[in-house]
PDB file of N, CA and C in Angstrom:
ATOM      1  N   MET A   1       0.839  -1.172   0.000  1.00  0.00           N
ATOM      2  CA  MET A   1       0.000   0.000   0.000  1.00  0.00           C
ATOM      3  C   MET A   1       0.888   1.240   0.000  1.00  0.00           C
ATOM      4  N   ARG A   2       0.654   2.113  -0.920  1.00  0.00           N
ATOM      5  CA  ARG A   2       1.383   3.381  -0.976  1.00  0.00           C
ATOM      6  C   ARG A   2       0.678   4.377  -0.081  1.00  0.00           C
ATOM      7  N   ILE A   3       1.459   5.122   0.660  1.00  0.00           N
ATOM      8  CA  ILE A   3       0.913   6.154   1.528  1.00  0.00           C
ATOM      9  C   ILE A   3       1.758   7.405   1.315  1.00  0.00           C
ATOM     10  N   SER A   4       1.107   8.536   1.271  1.00  0.00           N
ATOM     11  CA  SER A   4       1.835   9.774   0.987  1.00  0.00           C
ATOM     12  C   SER A   4       2.777  10.133   2.127  1.00  0.00           C
ATOM     13  N   ARG A   5       3.765  10.908   1.800  1.00  0.00           N
ATOM     14  CA  ARG A   5       4.754  11.350   2.786  1.00  0.00           C
ATOM     15  C   ARG A   5       4.075  12.146   3.904  1.00  0.00           C
ATOM     16  N   ASP A   6       3.109  12.994   3.539  1.00  0.00           N
ATOM     17  CA  ASP A   6       2.383  13.789   4.535  1.00  0.00           C
ATOM     18  C   ASP A   6       1.607  12.900   5.506  1.00  0.00           C
ATOM     19  N   LYS A   7       0.943  11.880   4.970  1.00  0.00           N
ATOM     20  CA  LYS A   7       0.173  10.987   5.828  1.00  0.00           C
ATOM     21  C   LYS A   7       1.092  10.184   6.741  1.00  0.00           C
ATOM     22  N   LEU A   8       2.234   9.772   6.211  1.00  0.00           N
ATOM     23  CA  LEU A   8       3.203   9.033   7.012  1.00  0.00           C
ATOM     24  C   LEU A   8       3.739   9.914   8.141  1.00  0.00           C
ATOM     25  N   ASN A   9       4.028  11.181   7.834  1.00  0.00           N
ATOM     26  CA  ASN A   9       4.485  12.113   8.866  1.00  0.00           C
ATOM     27  C   ASN A   9       3.411  12.343   9.916  1.00  0.00           C
ATOM     28  N   LYS A  10       2.163  12.484   9.485  1.00  0.00           N
ATOM     29  CA  LYS A  10       1.046  12.680  10.416  1.00  0.00           C
ATOM     30  C   LYS A  10       0.913  11.483  11.344  1.00  0.00           C
ATOM     31  N   LEU A  11       1.044  10.293  10.791  1.00  0.00           N
ATOM     32  CA  LEU A  11       0.972   9.075  11.588  1.00  0.00           C
ATOM     33  C   LEU A  11       2.112   9.023  12.606  1.00  0.00           C
ATOM     34  N   ALA A  12       3.318   9.381  12.183  1.00  0.00           N
ATOM     35  CA  ALA A  12       4.470   9.392  13.081  1.00  0.00           C
ATOM     36  C   ALA A  12       4.272  10.418  14.201  1.00  0.00           C
ATOM     37  N   HIS A  13       3.716  11.573  13.869  1.00  0.00           N
ATOM     38  CA  HIS A  13       3.412  12.583  14.891  1.00  0.00           C
ATOM     39  C   HIS A  13       2.406  12.031  15.898  1.00  0.00           C
ATOM     40  N   THR A  14       1.391  11.348  15.400  1.00  0.00           N
ATOM     41  CA  THR A  14       0.361  10.782  16.266  1.00  0.00           C
ATOM     42  C   THR A  14       0.964   9.757  17.218  1.00  0.00           C
ATOM     43  N   VAL A  15       1.858   8.918  16.708  1.00  0.00           N
ATOM     44  CA  VAL A  15       2.526   7.916  17.542  1.00  0.00           C
ATOM     45  C   VAL A  15       3.369   8.603  18.613  1.00  0.00           C
ATOM     46  N   ALA A  16       4.169   9.582  18.215  1.00  0.00           N
ATOM     47  CA  ALA A  16       5.023  10.294  19.169  1.00  0.00           C
ATOM     48  C   ALA A  16       4.177  11.018  20.216  1.00  0.00           C
ATOM     49  N   ASP A  17       3.084  11.635  19.808  1.00  0.00           N
ATOM     50  CA  ASP A  17       2.198  12.328  20.750  1.00  0.00           C
ATOM     51  C   ASP A  17       1.555  11.358  21.730  1.00  0.00           C
ATOM     52  N   ALA A  18       1.124  10.205  21.220  1.00  0.00           N
ATOM     53  CA  ALA A  18       0.495   9.209  22.088  1.00  0.00           C
ATOM     54  C   ALA A  18       1.497   8.688  23.121  1.00  0.00           C
ATOM     55  N   LEU A  19       2.717   8.467  22.682  1.00  0.00           N
ATOM     56  CA  LEU A  19       3.752   8.018  23.624  1.00  0.00           C
ATOM     57  C   LEU A  19       4.051   9.095  24.660  1.00  0.00           C
ATOM     58  N   ALA A  20       4.109  10.342  24.231  1.00  0.00           N
ATOM     59  CA  ALA A  20       4.400  11.444  25.143  1.00  0.00           C
ATOM     60  C   ALA A  20       3.289  11.618  26.174  1.00  0.00           C
ATOM     61  N   ASP A  21       2.048  11.363  25.778  1.00  0.00           N
ATOM     62  CA  ASP A  21       0.910  11.505  26.672  1.00  0.00           C
ATOM     63  C   ASP A  21       0.786  10.351  27.668  1.00  0.00           C
ATOM     64  N   SER A  22       1.454   9.246  27.378  1.00  0.00           N
ATOM     65  CA  SER A  22       1.365   8.071  28.238  1.00  0.00           C
ATOM     66  C   SER A  22       2.191   8.271  29.504  1.00  0.00           C
ATOM     67  N   GLN A  23       1.610   7.905  30.631  1.00  0.00           N
ATOM     68  CA  GLN A  23       2.303   8.000  31.909  1.00  0.00           C
ATOM     69  C   GLN A  23       3.374   6.916  32.046  1.00  0.00           C
ATOM     70  N   GLU A  24       3.241   5.860  31.254  1.00  0.00           N
ATOM     71  CA  GLU A  24       4.129   4.707  31.366  1.00  0.00           C
ATOM     72  C   GLU A  24       5.378   4.816  30.502  1.00  0.00           C
ATOM     73  N   VAL A  25       5.490   5.885  29.725  1.00  0.00           N
ATOM     74  CA  VAL A  25       6.600   6.029  28.784  1.00  0.00           C
ATOM     75  C   VAL A  25       7.384   7.286  29.117  1.00  0.00           C
ATOM     76  N   GLY A  26       8.702   7.132  29.156  1.00  0.00           N
ATOM     77  CA  GLY A  26       9.584   8.283  29.310  1.00  0.00           C
ATOM     78  C   GLY A  26      10.538   8.329  28.126  1.00  0.00           C
ATOM     79  N   PHE A  27      10.894   9.498  27.684  1.00  0.00           N
ATOM     80  CA  PHE A  27      11.772   9.656  26.520  1.00  0.00           C
ATOM     81  C   PHE A  27      13.213   9.895  26.966  1.00  0.00           C
ATOM     82  N   ASN A  28      14.132   9.181  26.349  1.00  0.00           N
ATOM     83  CA  ASN A  28      15.556   9.440  26.535  1.00  0.00           C
ATOM     84  C   ASN A  28      16.061  10.398  25.464  1.00  0.00           C
ATOM     85  N   GLU A  29      15.280  10.554  24.432  1.00  0.00           N
ATOM     86  CA  GLU A  29      15.606  11.428  23.303  1.00  0.00           C
ATOM     87  C   GLU A  29      14.527  12.499  23.202  1.00  0.00           C
ATOM     88  N   ASP A  30      14.793  13.491  22.362  1.00  0.00           N
ATOM     89  CA  ASP A  30      13.773  14.526  22.164  1.00  0.00           C
ATOM     90  C   ASP A  30      12.630  13.971  21.316  1.00  0.00           C
ATOM     91  N   ARG A  31      11.515  14.659  21.357  1.00  0.00           N
ATOM     92  CA  ARG A  31      10.296  14.191  20.692  1.00  0.00           C
ATOM     93  C   ARG A  31      10.485  14.057  19.174  1.00  0.00           C
ATOM     94  N   ASN A  32      11.271  14.934  18.564  1.00  0.00           N
ATOM     95  CA  ASN A  32      11.491  14.867  17.120  1.00  0.00           C
ATOM     96  C   ASN A  32      12.239  13.585  16.739  1.00  0.00           C
ATOM     97  N   THR A  33      13.194  13.182  17.546  1.00  0.00           N
ATOM     98  CA  THR A  33      13.926  11.931  17.286  1.00  0.00           C
ATOM     99  C   THR A  33      12.976  10.742  17.374  1.00  0.00           C
ATOM    100  N   ILE A  34      12.081  10.781  18.360  1.00  0.00           N
ATOM    101  CA  ILE A  34      11.093   9.710  18.505  1.00  0.00           C
ATOM    102  C   ILE A  34      10.189   9.671  17.278  1.00  0.00           C
ATOM    103  N   ARG A  35       9.752  10.834  16.826  1.00  0.00           N
ATOM    104  CA  ARG A  35       8.894  10.912  15.633  1.00  0.00           C
ATOM    105  C   ARG A  35       9.610  10.344  14.412  1.00  0.00           C
ATOM    106  N   GLN A  36      10.890  10.700  14.248  1.00  0.00           N
ATOM    107  CA  GLN A  36      11.655  10.200  13.102  1.00  0.00           C
ATOM    108  C   GLN A  36      11.811   8.680  13.146  1.00  0.00           C
ATOM    109  N   GLU A  37      12.038   8.144  14.340  1.00  0.00           N
ATOM    110  CA  GLU A  37      12.169   6.698  14.466  1.00  0.00           C
ATOM    111  C   GLU A  37      10.837   5.998  14.200  1.00  0.00           C
ATOM    112  N   ALA A  38       9.754   6.612  14.653  1.00  0.00           N
ATOM    113  CA  ALA A  38       8.425   6.051  14.371  1.00  0.00           C
ATOM    114  C   ALA A  38       8.179   6.055  12.869  1.00  0.00           C
ATOM    115  N   ARG A  39       8.577   7.111  12.202  1.00  0.00           N
ATOM    116  CA  ARG A  39       8.415   7.209  10.744  1.00  0.00           C
ATOM    117  C   ARG A  39       9.216   6.128  10.031  1.00  0.00           C
ATOM    118  N   LYS A  40      10.458   5.915  10.474  1.00  0.00           N
ATOM    119  CA  LYS A  40      11.291   4.861   9.880  1.00  0.00           C
ATOM    120  C   LYS A  40      10.656   3.492  10.075  1.00  0.00           C
ATOM    121  N   ALA A  41      10.147   3.241  11.280  1.00  0.00           N
ATOM    122  CA  ALA A  41       9.511   1.953  11.560  1.00  0.00           C
ATOM    123  C   ALA A  41       8.288   1.748  10.678  1.00  0.00           C
ATOM    124  N   LEU A  42       7.478   2.794  10.524  1.00  0.00           N
ATOM    125  CA  LEU A  42       6.303   2.703   9.658  1.00  0.00           C
ATOM    126  C   LEU A  42       6.695   2.480   8.204  1.00  0.00           C
ATOM    127  N   GLU A  43       7.735   3.176   7.741  1.00  0.00           N
ATOM    128  CA  GLU A  43       8.211   2.977   6.368  1.00  0.00           C
ATOM    129  C   GLU A  43       8.672   1.540   6.162  1.00  0.00           C
ATOM    130  N   ASN A  44       9.396   0.998   7.137  1.00  0.00           N
ATOM    131  CA  ASN A  44       9.869  -0.383   7.032  1.00  0.00           C
ATOM    132  C   ASN A  44       8.706  -1.362   6.980  1.00  0.00           C
ATOM    133  N   LEU A  45       7.688  -1.130   7.810  1.00  0.00           N
ATOM    134  CA  LEU A  45       6.513  -2.000   7.797  1.00  0.00           C
ATOM    135  C   LEU A  45       5.797  -1.946   6.450  1.00  0.00           C
ATOM    136  N   LEU A  46       5.638  -0.749   5.915  1.00  0.00           N
ATOM    137  CA  LEU A  46       4.957  -0.610   4.625  1.00  0.00           C
ATOM    138  C   LEU A  46       5.769  -1.227   3.486  1.00  0.00           C
ATOM    139  N   THR A  47       7.083  -1.092   3.553  1.00  0.00           N
ATOM    140  CA  THR A  47       7.948  -1.701   2.539  1.00  0.00           C
ATOM    141  C   THR A  47       7.838  -3.222   2.589  1.00  0.00           C
ATOM    142  N   GLU A  48       7.855  -3.771   3.804  1.00  0.00           N
ATOM    143  CA  GLU A  48       7.741  -5.220   3.963  1.00  0.00           C
ATOM    144  C   GLU A  48       6.372  -5.709   3.508  1.00  0.00           C
ATOM    145  N   GLU A  49       5.325  -4.940   3.811  1.00  0.00           N
ATOM    146  CA  GLU A  49       3.986  -5.309   3.386  1.00  0.00           C
ATOM    147  C   GLU A  49       3.892  -5.326   1.862  1.00  0.00           C
ATOM    148  N   ALA A  50       4.530  -4.369   1.208  1.00  0.00           N
ATOM    149  CA  ALA A  50       4.530  -4.323  -0.255  1.00  0.00           C
ATOM    150  C   ALA A  50       5.273  -5.521  -0.836  1.00  0.00           C
ATOM    151  N   ARG A  51       6.366  -5.917  -0.188  1.00  0.00           N
ATOM    152  CA  ARG A  51       7.123  -7.084  -0.651  1.00  0.00           C
ATOM    153  C   ARG A  51       6.276  -8.351  -0.516  1.00  0.00           C
ATOM    154  N   ILE A  52       5.568  -8.479   0.596  1.00  0.00           N
ATOM    155  CA  ILE A  52       4.708  -9.644   0.815  1.00  0.00           C
ATOM    156  C   ILE A  52       3.585  -9.669  -0.218  1.00  0.00           C
ATOM    157  N   ASP A  53       2.982  -8.522  -0.476  1.00  0.00           N
ATOM    158  CA  ASP A  53       1.919  -8.417  -1.473  1.00  0.00           C
ATOM    159  C   ASP A  53       2.429  -8.836  -2.850  1.00  0.00           C
ATOM    160  N   THR A  54       3.599  -8.346  -3.220  1.00  0.00           N
ATOM    161  CA  THR A  54       4.188  -8.681  -4.523  1.00  0.00           C
ATOM    162  C   THR A  54       4.462 -10.179  -4.629  1.00  0.00           C
ATOM    163  N   ALA A  55       4.984 -10.772  -3.553  1.00  0.00           N
ATOM    164  CA  ALA A  55       5.272 -12.209  -3.568  1.00  0.00           C
ATOM    165  C   ALA A  55       3.991 -13.025  -3.703  1.00  0.00           C
ATOM    166  N   ALA A  56       2.944 -12.634  -2.988  1.00  0.00           N
ATOM    167  CA  ALA A  56       1.667 -13.356  -3.073  1.00  0.00           C
ATOM    168  C   ALA A  56       1.091 -13.252  -4.486  1.00  0.00           C
ATOM    169  N   ARG A  57       1.147 -12.056  -5.063  1.00  0.00           N
ATOM    170  CA  ARG A  57       0.634 -11.863  -6.425  1.00  0.00           C
ATOM    171  C   ARG A  57       1.450 -12.660  -7.450  1.00  0.00           C
ATOM    172  N   ALA A  58       2.757 -12.740  -7.238  1.00  0.00           N
ATOM    173  CA  ALA A  58       3.618 -13.497  -8.154  1.00  0.00           C
ATOM    174  C   ALA A  58       3.276 -14.988  -8.104  1.00  0.00           C
ATOM    175  N   LYS A  59       2.994 -15.503  -6.918  1.00  0.00           N
ATOM    176  CA  LYS A  59       2.622 -16.916  -6.793  1.00  0.00           C
ATOM    177  C   LYS A  59       1.318 -17.196  -7.525  1.00  0.00           C
ATOM    178  N   ILE A  60       0.367 -16.279  -7.414  1.00  0.00           N
ATOM    179  CA  ILE A  60      -0.901 -16.464  -8.120  1.00  0.00           C
ATOM    180  C   ILE A  60      -0.678 -16.413  -9.627  1.00  0.00           C
ATOM    181  N   ALA A  61       0.144 -15.489 -10.078  1.00  0.00           N
ATOM    182  CA  ALA A  61       0.417 -15.341 -11.512  1.00  0.00           C
ATOM    183  C   ALA A  61       1.153 -16.552 -12.078  1.00  0.00           C
ATOM    184  N   SER A  62       1.890 -17.277 -11.226  1.00  0.00           N
ATOM    185  CA  SER A  62       2.660 -18.420 -11.709  1.00  0.00           C
ATOM    186  C   SER A  62       1.824 -19.694 -11.847  1.00  0.00           C
ATOM    187  N   GLN A  63       0.555 -19.641 -11.476  1.00  0.00           N
ATOM    188  CA  GLN A  63      -0.324 -20.798 -11.604  1.00  0.00           C
ATOM    189  C   GLN A  63      -0.518 -21.135 -13.086  1.00  0.00           C
ATOM    190  N   ARG A  64      -0.691 -22.401 -13.372  1.00  0.00           N
ATOM    191  CA  ARG A  64      -0.950 -22.813 -14.762  1.00  0.00           C
ATOM    192  C   ARG A  64      -2.248 -22.202 -15.273  1.00  0.00           C
ATOM    193  N   LYS A  65      -3.240 -22.270 -14.425  1.00  0.00           N
ATOM    194  CA  LYS A  65      -4.558 -21.762 -14.777  1.00  0.00           C
ATOM    195  C   LYS A  65      -4.575 -20.248 -14.557  1.00  0.00           C
ATOM    196  N   ILE A  66      -5.170 -19.525 -15.474  1.00  0.00           N
ATOM    197  CA  ILE A  66      -5.296 -18.073 -15.326  1.00  0.00           C
ATOM    198  C   ILE A  66      -6.403 -17.800 -14.313  1.00  0.00           C
ATOM    199  N   ILE A  67      -6.027 -17.070 -13.265  1.00  0.00           N
ATOM    200  CA  ILE A  67      -6.977 -16.742 -12.208  1.00  0.00           C
ATOM    201  C   ILE A  67      -7.173 -15.234 -12.222  1.00  0.00           C
ATOM    202  N   LEU A  68      -8.385 -14.813 -12.448  1.00  0.00           N
ATOM    203  CA  LEU A  68      -8.676 -13.396 -12.561  1.00  0.00           C
ATOM    204  C   LEU A  68      -8.693 -12.729 -11.187  1.00  0.00           C
ATOM    205  N   GLU A  69      -7.988 -11.601 -11.108  1.00  0.00           N
ATOM    206  CA  GLU A  69      -7.969 -10.851  -9.860  1.00  0.00           C
ATOM    207  C   GLU A  69      -9.385 -10.368  -9.547  1.00  0.00           C
ATOM    208  N   GLY A  70      -9.755 -10.508  -8.285  1.00  0.00           N
ATOM    209  CA  GLY A  70     -11.086 -10.120  -7.860  1.00  0.00           C
ATOM    210  C   GLY A  70     -12.041 -11.296  -7.752  1.00  0.00           C
ATOM    211  N   SER A  71     -11.673 -12.403  -8.385  1.00  0.00           N
ATOM    212  CA  SER A  71     -12.528 -13.581  -8.278  1.00  0.00           C
ATOM    213  C   SER A  71     -12.369 -14.194  -6.888  1.00  0.00           C
ATOM    214  N   GLN A  72     -13.325 -15.019  -6.515  1.00  0.00           N
ATOM    215  CA  GLN A  72     -13.273 -15.660  -5.201  1.00  0.00           C
ATOM    216  C   GLN A  72     -12.030 -16.541  -5.084  1.00  0.00           C
ATOM    217  N   GLU A  73     -11.705 -17.260  -6.139  1.00  0.00           N
ATOM    218  CA  GLU A  73     -10.521 -18.119  -6.126  1.00  0.00           C
ATOM    219  C   GLU A  73      -9.253 -17.291  -5.927  1.00  0.00           C
ATOM    220  N   TRP A  74      -9.175 -16.146  -6.614  1.00  0.00           N
ATOM    221  CA  TRP A  74      -8.006 -15.271  -6.478  1.00  0.00           C
ATOM    222  C   TRP A  74      -7.881 -14.773  -5.039  1.00  0.00           C
ATOM    223  N   GLU A  75      -8.995 -14.354  -4.452  1.00  0.00           N
ATOM    224  CA  GLU A  75      -8.989 -13.845  -3.074  1.00  0.00           C
ATOM    225  C   GLU A  75      -8.517 -14.908  -2.087  1.00  0.00           C
ATOM    226  N   ILE A  76      -8.991 -16.132  -2.275  1.00  0.00           N
ATOM    227  CA  ILE A  76      -8.603 -17.231  -1.389  1.00  0.00           C
ATOM    228  C   ILE A  76      -7.106 -17.514  -1.516  1.00  0.00           C
ATOM    229  N   LEU A  77      -6.631 -17.599  -2.753  1.00  0.00           N
ATOM    230  CA  LEU A  77      -5.203 -17.849  -2.967  1.00  0.00           C
ATOM    231  C   LEU A  77      -4.342 -16.698  -2.439  1.00  0.00           C
ATOM    232  N   TYR A  78      -4.808 -15.472  -2.647  1.00  0.00           N
ATOM    233  CA  TYR A  78      -4.052 -14.313  -2.177  1.00  0.00           C
ATOM    234  C   TYR A  78      -3.890 -14.376  -0.663  1.00  0.00           C
ATOM    235  N   ARG A  79      -4.982 -14.622   0.050  1.00  0.00           N
ATOM    236  CA  ARG A  79      -4.910 -14.708   1.517  1.00  0.00           C
ATOM    237  C   ARG A  79      -3.972 -15.836   1.946  1.00  0.00           C
ATOM    238  N   LYS A  80      -4.073 -16.971   1.254  1.00  0.00           N
ATOM    239  CA  LYS A  80      -3.230 -18.120   1.587  1.00  0.00           C
ATOM    240  C   LYS A  80      -1.758 -17.774   1.386  1.00  0.00           C
ATOM    241  N   TYR A  81      -1.398 -17.251   0.226  1.00  0.00           N
ATOM    242  CA  TYR A  81      -0.002 -16.943  -0.072  1.00  0.00           C
ATOM    243  C   TYR A  81       0.506 -15.764   0.764  1.00  0.00           C
ATOM    244  N   TYR A  82      -0.344 -14.799   1.021  1.00  0.00           N
ATOM    245  CA  TYR A  82       0.034 -13.660   1.856  1.00  0.00           C
ATOM    246  C   TYR A  82       0.385 -14.145   3.264  1.00  0.00           C
ATOM    247  N   ASN A  83      -0.481 -15.001   3.822  1.00  0.00           N
ATOM    248  CA  ASN A  83      -0.230 -15.540   5.158  1.00  0.00           C
ATOM    249  C   ASN A  83       1.021 -16.401   5.206  1.00  0.00           C
ATOM    250  N   GLU A  84       1.307 -17.144   4.128  1.00  0.00           N
ATOM    251  CA  GLU A  84       2.538 -17.928   4.062  1.00  0.00           C
ATOM    252  C   GLU A  84       3.762 -17.016   4.134  1.00  0.00           C
ATOM    253  N   GLU A  85       3.724 -15.914   3.409  1.00  0.00           N
ATOM    254  CA  GLU A  85       4.849 -14.973   3.410  1.00  0.00           C
ATOM    255  C   GLU A  85       5.021 -14.323   4.792  1.00  0.00           C
ATOM    256  N   VAL A  86       3.922 -14.034   5.443  1.00  0.00           N
ATOM    257  CA  VAL A  86       3.984 -13.453   6.793  1.00  0.00           C
ATOM    258  C   VAL A  86       4.587 -14.469   7.758  1.00  0.00           C
ATOM    259  N   ARG A  87       4.191 -15.730   7.652  1.00  0.00           N
ATOM    260  CA  ARG A  87       4.743 -16.770   8.522  1.00  0.00           C
ATOM    261  C   ARG A  87       6.240 -16.948   8.316  1.00  0.00           C
ATOM    262  N   LYS A  88       6.700 -16.760   7.089  1.00  0.00           N
ATOM    263  CA  LYS A  88       8.144 -16.855   6.824  1.00  0.00           C
ATOM    264  C   LYS A  88       8.926 -15.832   7.639  1.00  0.00           C
ATOM    265  N   LEU A  89       8.284 -14.706   7.925  1.00  0.00           N
ATOM    266  CA  LEU A  89       8.924 -13.667   8.719  1.00  0.00           C
ATOM    267  C   LEU A  89       8.851 -13.956  10.219  1.00  0.00           C
ATOM    268  N   GLY A  90       8.073 -14.964  10.582  1.00  0.00           N
ATOM    269  CA  GLY A  90       7.939 -15.328  11.976  1.00  0.00           C
ATOM    270  C   GLY A  90       6.945 -14.468  12.728  1.00  0.00           C
ATOM    271  N   ILE A  91       6.024 -13.893  11.990  1.00  0.00           N
ATOM    272  CA  ILE A  91       5.008 -13.035  12.623  1.00  0.00           C
ATOM    273  C   ILE A  91       3.782 -13.834  12.924  1.00  0.00           C
TER     274      ILE A  91
END
């Protein structure tokens, strides 16, 4: 899933603000550093999600039978292959 830079920054700000508001969390770094690290973590998650999506789609495309995207069979295979890729990561 592609997400705009502005939306990613907004999400990182929200994460940093939520952590700052929590009584259970203390910062060793300034809030901007926390926001930047949250942004990096979100970017890494989105990059990994895109890789998993691409791998699942490639497996479906490699089938002998042509399976149309959006069909029930395609959806079932996509979920199956997507979950296999996630399990490979140990999640």
